[in-house]
Amino acid sequence: MKKIISIIICLISVVALQAQTTECMRIYTDKDNYLAGEDLWIKVCVTDSAFGESLTSKVAYVEISDMRQMYVQGKIALQNGVGWGHVRFPQTMHSGTYQLTAYTRYMRNQSADSFPKKYIAVLNTNQAMEEDNVEVLTDSAALISDNMITSPLRLSTDKSVYGNRNRVILKLPQLSPNMKELSLSVVRKDCVMPAFPTSGYLLKSDNDPDNHLIAECEGHIVVGRLIGASADSVDARLSCVGKDIRIFDGQSQPDGTYAFYTSGITDMQDIVLSALPGSGRQARLEIASPFAGILPAKLPKLRIAYNEEVLVERSIGAQLHHILPVDSTHNKSILEQLHDFYPSISYNLDEYVRFNTVREAFIEFVMGIRVSKSEGKTIIRLLQEDMKRFSSLKALVLIDGVPIENHETVLDYNARLLHFIHQYSGRYTFGGKLYDGIVSLITHKGSLPGLRLDENSQLFAYEFPQNRPAFVTPVYALEEQIKSRIPDFRHTLYWNPEITPATDAVSFYTSDMKGRYVVTLQGITATGEAVRTQCEFVVQ
């Protein structure tokens, strides 16, 4: 009930807020040129018309495309208008120029021409394709050109030359307190490109000027299209699989879709999407893409100079990235415990004699639960402590956070897979239905083991917005770490989107790749003026 009230309050506040709010966005990436298979790290900053952090939207969307198709799409969680994440370029991308576009759901009510865009270069070093659109510059002047940005702000390193797996201490300049949106990157310089021209016009987007989109003020809004039944006859639910309760009702929309207003859900999650029609009917929900699908009308030819030997070395590093152990930034996010939502009774089944089925466990030691028949169906009821009798309404029964309408399925479930049985008192509404209490069964794995869902439900992995993943790098503080046989072919040595004017120095370690490295610090002032400065060092 609290969740429903909060959604209503949020929708009312959003309608009032959107009448007077305009969002703008800026994007910062770790570098300007990439290989197919590498990761792009990006920071997005959403502001209002006065360059103050926007509090309206909680999600930003990122797309990378050429003139024909979309190659990469991602979602980034926003906190006070700022967020960051990473996307990986597929190995099938051709060599050429691509357009990076970012926006919020609320910004899609504006013309897509106002979205921030950036040209980036991608090289596929594994195969040549018909779509390649690259002019290789062979002029020696182009190959040695540094294109360094001059600025009164000075970056400096403790040394000018380092060896492999050495520690670098970077001293930052004294910055004005009004600077913000600062990010810092350290990248090997193995390509030189002339400056890209101004972005071209848009060719296509899925924006509908007649379809007003509300802002995502609490979290990502998942939209589902109904297949197999009319929209007014279905209860739609989205449940996150896990050891906590995350259930969201689908709100019917005028276009026949259902919107799930999620909150506090980030990163990759297993979800169950259910469409519960009347008895004897089948229906299912299909997730609608939240992206605008923006394609540029034209792209400039990629003009680039590079050293073939160092590019091959970098290509090997991009391929090793898929083979070596995956770091923590790619793991599934663990949902945090809901506040003020704790069970009234809990059973740790590891402390009891094990029974084969949940039915037997209920009979032998679980108190306050009754199994009975109503209109020919088996239902589970909870004891009302205040009235000392069992409720006339059925309880909401969950297995690993997923509602199970067929209670006979729950009673026949393998109790040896369970870790906890939680009971929650009080009345709850989900999908227009009223339940008296919740019975939550939690397995040891928290992943619905051994459960077969009905034909109206689907289990699949869904990527919610990335919540500020950490840029993880090796540390070579000890001799055995320095002598480790695990190769380190990092092209981006360091990326930090949390630089502030108070940051005076940072440190990181070089990789196994020698060459010239460029340090770039960028951001804006309080008046929106861009700030950017660079320095270099060498790894031998």
Protein backbone atom coordinates (compact mmCIF):
# COMPACT_ATOMS: atom_id res chain seq x y z
CA MET A 1 0.00 0.00 0.00
CA LYS A 2 2.87 2.38 0.85
CA LYS A 3 4.35 1.67 -2.58
CA ILE A 4 1.10 2.55 -4.36
CA ILE A 5 0.76 5.81 -2.42
CA SER A 6 4.36 6.79 -3.18
CA ILE A 7 3.82 6.15 -6.91
CA ILE A 8 0.70 8.35 -6.93
CA ILE A 9 2.51 11.16 -5.10
CA CYS A 10 5.44 10.83 -7.50
CA LEU A 11 3.22 11.02 -10.59
CA ILE A 12 1.47 14.14 -9.29
CA SER A 13 4.79 15.84 -8.48
CA VAL A 14 6.26 14.86 -11.85
CA VAL A 15 3.34 16.36 -13.78
CA ALA A 16 3.79 19.64 -11.90
CA LEU A 17 7.58 19.55 -12.24
CA GLN A 18 7.63 18.77 -15.95
CA ALA A 19 5.53 21.84 -16.70
CA GLN A 20 8.50 24.03 -15.73
CA THR A 21 11.60 21.84 -16.21
CA THR A 22 13.92 21.54 -19.18
CA GLU A 23 16.72 18.98 -19.14
CA CYS A 24 20.09 19.25 -20.87
CA MET A 25 22.84 16.66 -20.92
CA ARG A 26 26.59 16.43 -21.45
CA ILE A 27 28.60 13.27 -22.05
CA TYR A 28 32.26 12.44 -21.30
CA THR A 29 34.06 9.30 -22.51
CA ASP A 30 37.41 7.80 -21.56
CA LYS A 31 38.74 8.25 -25.12
CA ASP A 32 37.73 9.01 -28.72
CA ASN A 33 38.89 5.91 -30.57
CA TYR A 34 38.18 2.24 -29.80
CA LEU A 35 38.71 -1.24 -31.16
CA ALA A 36 35.86 -3.67 -31.72
CA GLY A 37 35.62 -5.70 -28.51
CA GLU A 38 36.81 -2.91 -26.19
CA ASP A 39 34.79 -1.19 -23.46
CA LEU A 40 33.67 2.43 -23.63
CA TRP A 41 33.42 4.17 -20.26
CA ILE A 42 31.00 7.09 -20.18
CA LYS A 43 29.86 9.72 -17.70
CA VAL A 44 26.57 11.57 -18.25
CA CYS A 45 25.54 14.81 -16.53
CA VAL A 46 21.94 16.04 -16.68
CA THR A 47 21.28 19.68 -15.80
CA ASP A 48 18.43 22.16 -15.90
CA SER A 49 18.49 25.38 -17.89
CA ALA A 50 20.50 27.12 -15.13
CA PHE A 51 23.26 24.44 -15.21
CA GLY A 52 22.09 23.03 -11.88
CA GLU A 53 21.95 19.25 -11.41
CA SER A 54 18.58 17.93 -12.56
CA LEU A 55 16.62 16.01 -9.92
CA THR A 56 13.88 14.97 -12.34
CA SER A 57 15.26 11.92 -14.14
CA LYS A 58 16.85 8.86 -12.54
CA VAL A 59 17.90 7.09 -15.78
CA ALA A 60 19.96 8.06 -18.84
CA TYR A 61 20.06 6.13 -22.12
CA VAL A 62 23.08 5.72 -24.39
CA GLU A 63 23.13 4.57 -28.02
CA ILE A 64 25.95 3.99 -30.53
CA SER A 65 25.03 3.58 -34.19
CA ASP A 66 26.05 4.10 -37.77
CA MET A 67 23.65 5.23 -40.52
CA ARG A 68 22.10 1.77 -40.90
CA GLN A 69 21.69 0.16 -37.51
CA MET A 70 22.13 0.30 -33.75
CA TYR A 71 25.19 -1.51 -32.35
CA VAL A 72 25.27 -0.65 -28.65
CA GLN A 73 22.60 0.49 -26.19
CA GLY A 74 22.85 0.97 -22.44
CA LYS A 75 21.08 2.43 -19.39
CA ILE A 76 22.79 4.44 -16.65
CA ALA A 77 21.35 5.22 -13.20
CA LEU A 78 21.43 8.90 -12.24
CA GLN A 79 21.96 10.37 -8.78
CA ASN A 80 21.40 14.14 -8.62
CA GLY A 81 21.73 14.27 -12.39
CA VAL A 82 25.07 12.40 -12.58
CA GLY A 83 25.84 8.79 -13.48
CA TRP A 84 28.37 6.63 -15.28
CA GLY A 85 28.77 3.18 -16.74
CA HIS A 86 30.35 1.20 -19.54
CA VAL A 87 29.27 -0.54 -22.74
CA ARG A 88 31.16 -3.08 -24.81
CA PHE A 89 31.61 -2.82 -28.56
CA PRO A 90 30.68 -6.04 -30.37
CA GLN A 91 33.37 -7.78 -32.43
CA THR A 92 31.17 -7.45 -35.53
CA MET A 93 31.48 -3.67 -35.85
CA HIS A 94 33.09 -2.38 -39.02
CA SER A 95 35.85 0.23 -39.06
CA GLY A 96 34.60 3.78 -39.32
CA THR A 97 32.90 6.67 -37.55
CA TYR A 98 29.94 6.10 -35.24
CA GLN A 99 27.58 8.43 -33.44
CA LEU A 100 27.19 8.29 -29.65
CA THR A 101 23.86 9.73 -28.47
CA ALA A 102 22.49 10.11 -24.94
CA TYR A 103 19.17 11.30 -23.49
CA THR A 104 16.63 10.75 -20.70
CA ARG A 105 13.07 9.51 -21.12
CA TYR A 106 11.79 13.00 -20.36
CA MET A 107 14.09 14.55 -22.98
CA ARG A 108 12.37 12.42 -25.64
CA ASN A 109 9.45 14.90 -25.47
CA GLN A 110 11.82 17.36 -27.18
CA SER A 111 13.26 17.11 -30.66
CA ALA A 112 15.97 14.45 -30.92
CA ASP A 113 18.17 17.12 -32.54
CA SER A 114 18.69 18.58 -29.05
CA PHE A 115 20.19 15.35 -27.65
CA PRO A 116 23.96 15.47 -26.98
CA LYS A 117 25.94 13.61 -29.64
CA LYS A 118 29.56 12.72 -30.12
CA TYR A 119 31.46 11.09 -32.99
CA ILE A 120 33.73 8.22 -32.02
CA ALA A 121 36.12 6.10 -34.08
CA VAL A 122 36.01 2.30 -34.10
CA LEU A 123 38.60 0.05 -35.77
CA ASN A 124 38.09 -3.65 -36.37
CA THR A 125 41.59 -5.15 -36.43
CA ASN A 126 40.38 -8.73 -36.94
CA GLN A 127 38.58 -8.48 -40.27
CA ALA A 128 37.91 -6.14 -43.18
CA MET A 129 34.29 -5.44 -44.15
CA GLU A 130 32.47 -3.86 -47.06
CA GLU A 131 31.12 -1.17 -44.73
CA ASP A 132 34.59 0.03 -43.71
CA ASN A 133 34.92 3.76 -44.28
CA VAL A 134 38.48 4.66 -43.29
CA GLU A 135 41.18 6.82 -44.82
CA VAL A 136 44.58 5.87 -43.38
CA LEU A 137 46.88 8.87 -43.11
CA THR A 138 50.47 8.01 -43.98
CA ASP A 139 51.93 11.49 -43.78
CA SER A 140 54.78 11.41 -41.26
CA ALA A 141 53.69 14.78 -39.88
CA ALA A 142 50.27 13.34 -39.06
CA LEU A 143 51.84 10.34 -37.32
CA ILE A 144 53.89 12.45 -34.92
CA SER A 145 51.33 15.21 -34.42
CA ASP A 146 50.43 15.50 -30.76
CA ASN A 147 47.25 17.62 -30.95
CA MET A 148 47.75 18.39 -27.26
CA ILE A 149 45.30 20.78 -25.65
CA THR A 150 46.88 23.90 -24.18
CA SER A 151 45.40 25.22 -20.94
CA PRO A 152 46.55 27.37 -18.00
CA LEU A 153 45.69 24.40 -15.76
CA ARG A 154 48.70 22.08 -15.43
CA LEU A 155 48.72 18.34 -14.80
CA SER A 156 52.01 16.74 -13.77
CA THR A 157 53.33 13.26 -12.99
CA ASP A 158 56.08 12.39 -10.50
CA LYS A 159 58.23 11.13 -13.41
CA SER A 160 58.22 11.55 -17.15
CA VAL A 161 59.29 7.96 -17.95
CA TYR A 162 58.08 4.74 -16.30
CA GLY A 163 58.59 1.02 -16.70
CA ASN A 164 55.91 -1.65 -17.00
CA ARG A 165 53.76 -2.20 -13.89
CA ASN A 166 55.12 0.94 -12.22
CA ARG A 167 53.14 3.24 -9.95
CA VAL A 168 52.29 6.68 -11.35
CA ILE A 169 51.45 9.59 -9.05
CA LEU A 170 49.50 12.28 -10.86
CA LYS A 171 49.34 15.77 -9.38
CA LEU A 172 46.20 17.72 -10.28
CA PRO A 173 46.10 21.52 -10.61
CA GLN A 174 44.36 23.69 -8.06
CA LEU A 175 40.82 23.91 -9.38
CA SER A 176 38.20 26.56 -8.79
CA PRO A 177 35.45 25.42 -6.37
CA ASN A 178 32.82 26.18 -9.02
CA MET A 179 34.11 23.46 -11.38
CA LYS A 180 32.01 20.31 -11.69
CA GLU A 181 31.32 17.26 -13.86
CA LEU A 182 35.04 16.52 -13.69
CA SER A 183 36.44 13.26 -15.05
CA LEU A 184 39.99 12.01 -15.53
CA SER A 185 41.30 9.45 -18.04
CA VAL A 186 44.73 8.02 -18.87
CA VAL A 187 44.94 6.40 -22.32
CA ARG A 188 47.77 5.18 -24.57
CA LYS A 189 48.23 7.32 -27.65
CA ASP A 190 48.51 4.97 -30.61
CA CYS A 191 46.15 6.77 -33.02
CA VAL A 192 45.99 10.33 -34.31
CA MET A 193 42.81 11.76 -35.83
CA PRO A 194 41.94 15.19 -37.22
CA ALA A 195 39.04 16.80 -35.37
CA PHE A 196 35.61 15.53 -36.37
CA PRO A 197 33.20 17.99 -38.03
CA THR A 198 29.94 19.01 -36.36
CA SER A 199 27.39 16.20 -35.93
CA GLY A 200 24.98 15.70 -38.82
CA TYR A 201 21.19 15.62 -38.83
CA LEU A 202 19.20 12.71 -37.48
CA LEU A 203 17.84 10.19 -39.94
CA LYS A 204 15.45 8.21 -37.77
CA SER A 205 14.27 7.90 -34.18
CA ASP A 206 11.36 6.24 -32.44
CA ASN A 207 10.23 9.51 -30.84
CA ASP A 208 6.51 10.12 -31.18
CA PRO A 209 5.67 13.82 -30.74
CA ASP A 210 2.06 12.94 -29.89
CA ASN A 211 3.08 10.51 -27.13
CA HIS A 212 4.00 12.43 -23.98
CA LEU A 213 6.49 10.51 -21.83
CA ILE A 214 6.68 11.17 -18.10
CA ALA A 215 10.05 11.45 -16.40
CA GLU A 216 11.57 8.48 -14.60
CA CYS A 217 11.57 10.22 -11.22
CA GLU A 218 11.90 7.06 -9.07
CA GLY A 219 13.65 4.59 -11.34
CA HIS A 220 13.52 2.79 -14.65
CA ILE A 221 10.01 2.44 -16.16
CA VAL A 222 9.64 -0.97 -17.80
CA VAL A 223 6.94 -1.09 -20.49
CA GLY A 224 5.30 -4.36 -21.54
CA ARG A 225 3.08 -5.06 -24.55
CA LEU A 226 0.25 -7.51 -23.94
CA ILE A 227 -0.15 -10.48 -26.29
CA GLY A 228 -3.13 -12.84 -26.20
CA ALA A 229 -5.71 -10.95 -24.11
CA SER A 230 -7.37 -7.56 -23.79
CA ALA A 231 -5.65 -5.05 -21.55
CA ASP A 232 -8.65 -4.55 -19.23
CA SER A 233 -8.78 -8.24 -18.28
CA VAL A 234 -5.22 -8.82 -17.10
CA ASP A 235 -3.28 -8.31 -13.88
CA ALA A 236 0.34 -7.56 -14.87
CA ARG A 237 3.27 -8.05 -12.50
CA LEU A 238 7.02 -7.74 -12.61
CA SER A 239 8.97 -9.58 -9.89
CA CYS A 240 12.70 -9.60 -9.22
CA VAL A 241 14.03 -13.06 -8.41
CA GLY A 242 16.04 -13.06 -5.19
CA LYS A 243 15.98 -13.15 -1.42
CA ASP A 244 14.02 -9.95 -0.94
CA ILE A 245 10.56 -8.84 -2.10
CA ARG A 246 10.51 -6.63 -5.21
CA ILE A 247 7.09 -6.79 -6.90
CA PHE A 248 5.74 -4.08 -9.21
CA ASP A 249 2.19 -3.84 -10.55
CA GLY A 250 1.68 -3.03 -14.20
CA GLN A 251 -0.24 0.21 -14.71
CA SER A 252 -2.47 0.06 -17.78
CA GLN A 253 -1.68 2.75 -20.38
CA PRO A 254 -4.00 4.30 -23.02
CA ASP A 255 -2.07 2.57 -25.82
CA GLY A 256 -2.77 -0.88 -24.34
CA THR A 257 0.68 -1.34 -22.79
CA TYR A 258 1.55 -1.78 -19.13
CA ALA A 259 4.08 0.40 -17.30
CA PHE A 260 6.03 -0.95 -14.31
CA TYR A 261 7.35 1.91 -12.16
CA THR A 262 10.39 0.26 -10.61
CA SER A 263 12.48 1.84 -7.87
CA GLY A 264 15.87 0.93 -6.45
CA ILE A 265 16.54 -1.80 -9.05
CA THR A 266 19.86 -1.57 -10.90
CA ASP A 267 22.22 -3.68 -13.00
CA MET A 268 21.44 -7.14 -14.38
CA GLN A 269 18.56 -8.94 -12.63
CA ASP A 270 16.54 -12.10 -13.21
CA ILE A 271 12.88 -11.09 -13.43
CA VAL A 272 9.56 -12.86 -13.86
CA LEU A 273 7.02 -11.04 -16.00
CA SER A 274 3.45 -12.27 -15.49
CA ALA A 275 0.14 -11.52 -17.19
CA LEU A 276 -2.70 -13.06 -15.20
CA PRO A 277 -5.92 -13.11 -17.27
CA GLY A 278 -9.26 -14.64 -16.36
CA SER A 279 -9.51 -18.40 -15.79
CA GLY A 280 -8.87 -20.61 -18.77
CA ARG A 281 -7.16 -17.89 -20.83
CA GLN A 282 -3.54 -17.40 -21.82
CA ALA A 283 -1.61 -14.16 -22.16
CA ARG A 284 1.95 -12.92 -21.97
CA LEU A 285 3.81 -9.64 -21.81
CA GLU A 286 6.58 -8.62 -24.19
CA ILE A 287 9.10 -5.98 -23.08
CA ALA A 288 9.04 -2.85 -25.24
CA SER A 289 12.36 -1.18 -25.99
CA PRO A 290 12.92 1.97 -23.87
CA PHE A 291 15.38 3.37 -26.44
CA ALA A 292 14.71 6.04 -29.05
CA GLY A 293 16.65 4.19 -31.79
CA ILE A 294 18.47 7.21 -33.25
CA LEU A 295 20.40 6.92 -36.51
CA PRO A 296 22.44 9.74 -38.07
CA ALA A 297 21.66 10.89 -41.59
CA LYS A 298 25.35 10.93 -42.48
CA LEU A 299 28.71 10.29 -40.88
CA PRO A 300 32.12 11.69 -41.78
CA LYS A 301 34.80 9.40 -43.17
CA LEU A 302 37.21 8.25 -40.50
CA ARG A 303 40.63 9.78 -41.17
CA ILE A 304 43.24 8.28 -38.89
CA ALA A 305 46.96 7.64 -38.57
CA TYR A 306 48.28 4.75 -36.49
CA ASN A 307 51.25 2.49 -35.90
CA GLU A 308 50.24 -0.98 -37.11
CA GLU A 309 52.49 -2.84 -34.65
CA VAL A 310 51.08 -1.16 -31.53
CA LEU A 311 47.53 -1.52 -32.86
CA VAL A 312 48.01 -5.29 -33.19
CA GLU A 313 49.25 -5.38 -29.59
CA ARG A 314 46.17 -3.45 -28.49
CA SER A 315 43.96 -5.86 -30.44
CA ILE A 316 45.43 -8.81 -28.53
CA GLY A 317 44.56 -7.04 -25.28
CA ALA A 318 40.94 -6.54 -26.40
CA GLN A 319 40.65 -10.26 -27.18
CA LEU A 320 42.24 -11.30 -23.87
CA HIS A 321 39.61 -9.25 -22.07
CA HIS A 322 37.05 -11.94 -22.94
CA ILE A 323 39.27 -14.81 -21.79
CA LEU A 324 40.72 -13.57 -18.50
CA PRO A 325 38.64 -13.61 -15.26
CA VAL A 326 35.79 -11.11 -15.27
CA ASP A 327 36.00 -8.33 -12.70
CA SER A 328 33.28 -7.32 -10.27
CA THR A 329 31.80 -4.67 -12.54
CA HIS A 330 30.12 -7.38 -14.62
CA ASN A 331 28.51 -9.30 -11.74
CA LYS A 332 24.82 -9.20 -10.96
CA SER A 333 23.76 -6.54 -8.51
CA ILE A 334 22.57 -7.65 -5.07
CA LEU A 335 19.33 -5.99 -4.04
CA GLU A 336 19.38 -4.17 -0.73
CA GLN A 337 16.94 -4.98 2.07
CA LEU A 338 13.75 -2.93 1.96
CA HIS A 339 13.43 -0.47 4.85
CA ASP A 340 10.60 -0.92 7.38
CA PHE A 341 9.53 -4.19 5.78
CA TYR A 342 10.52 -7.09 7.99
CA PRO A 343 8.80 -10.43 8.64
CA SER A 344 6.68 -10.94 11.75
CA ILE A 345 7.73 -14.63 11.96
CA SER A 346 10.77 -16.34 10.40
CA TYR A 347 11.84 -19.98 10.21
CA ASN A 348 15.39 -21.03 9.37
CA LEU A 349 14.81 -24.48 7.93
CA ASP A 350 18.43 -25.47 8.54
CA GLU A 351 17.49 -25.60 12.24
CA TYR A 352 14.63 -28.09 11.73
CA VAL A 353 14.22 -31.67 10.60
CA ARG A 354 14.05 -31.67 6.82
CA PHE A 355 10.82 -32.68 5.09
CA ASN A 356 10.26 -33.51 1.44
CA THR A 357 7.53 -30.96 0.63
CA VAL A 358 6.40 -27.56 1.81
CA ARG A 359 3.05 -29.11 2.73
CA GLU A 360 4.76 -31.37 5.26
CA ALA A 361 6.80 -28.48 6.68
CA PHE A 362 3.61 -26.44 7.20
CA ILE A 363 1.96 -29.34 9.03
CA GLU A 364 4.92 -30.25 11.25
CA PHE A 365 6.33 -26.99 12.58
CA VAL A 366 5.18 -23.81 10.80
CA MET A 367 2.65 -21.98 12.99
CA GLY A 368 -0.15 -19.65 11.89
CA ILE A 369 -0.73 -21.15 8.42
CA ARG A 370 -3.83 -23.03 7.27
CA VAL A 371 -4.38 -24.82 3.97
CA SER A 372 -8.02 -25.00 2.87
CA LYS A 373 -10.28 -25.14 -0.18
CA SER A 374 -12.22 -22.24 -1.67
CA GLU A 375 -14.31 -22.60 -4.84
CA GLY A 376 -12.47 -25.82 -5.63
CA LYS A 377 -8.99 -24.25 -5.32
CA THR A 378 -6.36 -24.82 -2.66
CA ILE A 379 -5.44 -21.61 -0.86
CA ILE A 380 -3.06 -20.72 1.96
CA ARG A 381 -4.37 -18.47 4.75
CA LEU A 382 -2.57 -16.77 7.64
CA LEU A 383 -3.65 -16.40 11.25
CA GLN A 384 -4.79 -12.90 12.20
CA GLU A 385 -3.04 -12.31 15.50
CA ASP A 386 -5.26 -9.42 16.53
CA MET A 387 -8.50 -11.38 15.98
CA LYS A 388 -7.15 -14.86 16.84
CA ARG A 389 -8.68 -16.42 13.74
CA PHE A 390 -7.62 -17.27 10.23
CA SER A 391 -8.27 -14.71 7.52
CA SER A 392 -11.04 -15.17 4.99
CA LEU A 393 -8.65 -13.86 2.31
CA LYS A 394 -5.77 -15.85 0.87
CA ALA A 395 -2.17 -14.89 1.51
CA LEU A 396 0.27 -13.69 -1.12
CA VAL A 397 2.71 -16.60 -1.49
CA LEU A 398 6.18 -16.05 -2.95
CA ILE A 399 9.10 -18.27 -3.85
CA ASP A 400 12.33 -16.27 -4.12
CA GLY A 401 10.32 -13.07 -4.44
CA VAL A 402 8.03 -14.33 -7.25
CA PRO A 403 4.26 -14.54 -6.59
CA ILE A 404 2.83 -18.03 -7.16
CA GLU A 405 -0.94 -17.93 -7.72
CA ASN A 406 -1.35 -21.72 -7.75
CA HIS A 407 -0.87 -22.59 -4.09
CA GLU A 408 -0.95 -26.30 -4.85
CA THR A 409 2.36 -25.78 -6.71
CA VAL A 410 3.80 -24.18 -3.58
CA LEU A 411 2.67 -27.01 -1.30
CA ASP A 412 4.28 -29.60 -3.58
CA TYR A 413 7.57 -27.67 -3.81
CA ASN A 414 10.74 -29.40 -2.58
CA ALA A 415 11.23 -28.16 0.99
CA ARG A 416 14.84 -29.39 0.97
CA LEU A 417 15.70 -26.47 -1.34
CA LEU A 418 14.43 -23.88 1.15
CA HIS A 419 16.47 -21.84 3.60
CA PHE A 420 13.86 -19.54 5.14
CA ILE A 421 10.09 -19.22 5.49
CA HIS A 422 9.03 -15.64 6.32
CA GLN A 423 5.55 -14.50 7.30
CA TYR A 424 4.44 -10.87 6.96
CA SER A 425 1.28 -9.64 8.68
CA GLY A 426 -1.07 -6.97 7.36
CA ARG A 427 -3.04 -6.47 4.17
CA TYR A 428 -1.41 -5.88 0.78
CA THR A 429 -2.73 -5.01 -2.67
CA PHE A 430 -1.08 -6.19 -5.88
CA GLY A 431 -2.67 -5.99 -9.32
CA GLY A 432 -6.00 -4.90 -7.89
CA LYS A 433 -6.18 -7.94 -5.62
CA LEU A 434 -6.26 -7.85 -1.83
CA TYR A 435 -4.16 -10.29 0.19
CA ASP A 436 -4.10 -10.88 3.91
CA GLY A 437 -0.44 -11.40 4.77
CA ILE A 438 2.55 -12.68 2.82
CA VAL A 439 4.26 -16.06 2.99
CA SER A 440 7.75 -15.78 1.47
CA LEU A 441 9.76 -18.94 0.78
CA ILE A 442 13.48 -18.30 0.24
CA THR A 443 15.76 -20.96 -1.23
CA HIS A 444 19.46 -21.31 -0.50
CA LYS A 445 20.32 -20.17 -4.04
CA GLY A 446 17.62 -17.51 -4.37
CA SER A 447 17.12 -18.42 -8.04
CA LEU A 448 13.84 -20.39 -8.23
CA PRO A 449 15.51 -23.83 -8.41
CA GLY A 450 13.22 -26.68 -9.45
CA LEU A 451 10.21 -24.41 -10.13
CA ARG A 452 8.30 -24.50 -13.39
CA LEU A 453 6.34 -21.32 -14.06
CA ASP A 454 2.88 -21.34 -15.62
CA GLU A 455 2.22 -20.42 -19.25
CA ASN A 456 1.40 -16.80 -18.34
CA SER A 457 4.81 -16.08 -16.79
CA GLN A 458 8.30 -15.69 -18.24
CA LEU A 459 11.67 -15.83 -16.51
CA PHE A 460 14.57 -13.97 -18.12
CA ALA A 461 17.53 -11.70 -17.35
CA TYR A 462 16.87 -7.98 -17.76
CA GLU A 463 19.43 -5.20 -17.64
CA PHE A 464 18.32 -2.35 -15.42
CA PRO A 465 20.35 0.91 -15.31
CA GLN A 466 24.01 0.53 -14.33
CA ASN A 467 24.66 1.93 -10.88
CA ARG A 468 28.10 3.56 -10.98
CA PRO A 469 30.30 0.52 -11.66
CA ALA A 470 33.87 0.72 -10.43
CA PHE A 471 36.74 1.00 -12.89
CA VAL A 472 38.86 -1.89 -11.59
CA THR A 473 42.62 -2.01 -12.30
CA PRO A 474 45.44 -4.28 -11.08
CA VAL A 475 47.72 -3.26 -8.20
CA TYR A 476 51.45 -4.01 -8.40
CA ALA A 477 52.55 -3.16 -4.87
CA LEU A 478 54.20 -6.54 -4.13
CA GLU A 479 56.98 -8.42 -5.91
CA GLU A 480 54.75 -11.42 -6.68
CA GLN A 481 52.16 -9.09 -8.22
CA ILE A 482 54.81 -7.50 -10.44
CA LYS A 483 56.03 -10.93 -11.54
CA SER A 484 52.53 -12.31 -12.15
CA ARG A 485 52.25 -14.21 -15.44
CA ILE A 486 48.74 -12.86 -16.08
CA PRO A 487 49.16 -10.43 -19.01
CA ASP A 488 48.09 -6.82 -18.56
CA PHE A 489 47.27 -5.21 -21.90
CA ARG A 490 45.20 -2.32 -20.58
CA HIS A 491 44.90 0.50 -23.08
CA THR A 492 42.99 2.75 -20.66
CA LEU A 493 45.18 2.77 -17.54
CA TYR A 494 42.87 4.89 -15.42
CA TRP A 495 39.40 6.44 -15.54
CA ASN A 496 37.86 8.37 -12.66
CA PRO A 497 34.46 10.10 -13.00
CA GLU A 498 34.45 11.30 -9.37
CA ILE A 499 37.16 13.96 -9.50
CA THR A 500 36.28 17.08 -7.46
CA PRO A 501 38.04 20.46 -7.05
CA ALA A 502 39.33 19.13 -3.72
CA THR A 503 41.16 16.20 -5.39
CA ASP A 504 44.85 17.07 -5.35
CA ALA A 505 46.46 13.80 -6.54
CA VAL A 506 45.63 10.26 -7.75
CA SER A 507 47.75 7.18 -8.40
CA PHE A 508 47.56 4.14 -10.68
CA TYR A 509 49.81 1.51 -12.26
CA THR A 510 51.10 1.17 -15.80
CA SER A 511 50.37 -1.97 -17.83
CA ASP A 512 52.55 -4.26 -19.97
CA MET A 513 52.16 -1.98 -23.01
CA LYS A 514 54.85 0.59 -23.68
CA GLY A 515 54.25 3.90 -25.45
CA ARG A 516 53.10 7.46 -24.88
CA TYR A 517 50.11 7.96 -22.56
CA VAL A 518 47.84 10.98 -22.47
CA VAL A 519 46.20 12.23 -19.26
CA THR A 520 42.99 14.22 -19.84
CA LEU A 521 41.06 16.17 -17.21
CA GLN A 522 37.74 17.67 -18.33
CA GLY A 523 34.58 19.24 -16.92
CA ILE A 524 32.71 22.55 -16.85
CA THR A 525 32.46 25.69 -14.73
CA ALA A 526 29.27 26.78 -12.94
CA THR A 527 28.39 28.90 -16.00
CA GLY A 528 28.69 25.96 -18.40
CA GLU A 529 32.12 26.80 -19.85
CA ALA A 530 34.05 23.68 -20.90
CA VAL A 531 37.36 22.99 -19.12
CA ARG A 532 39.95 20.56 -20.53
CA THR A 533 43.65 20.06 -19.93
CA GLN A 534 46.17 17.32 -20.80
CA CYS A 535 49.68 16.06 -20.12
CA GLU A 536 51.79 13.07 -21.27
CA PHE A 537 54.24 10.50 -19.94
CA VAL A 538 56.11 7.55 -21.47
CA VAL A 539 56.17 3.85 -20.56
CA GLN A 540 59.30 2.00 -21.74
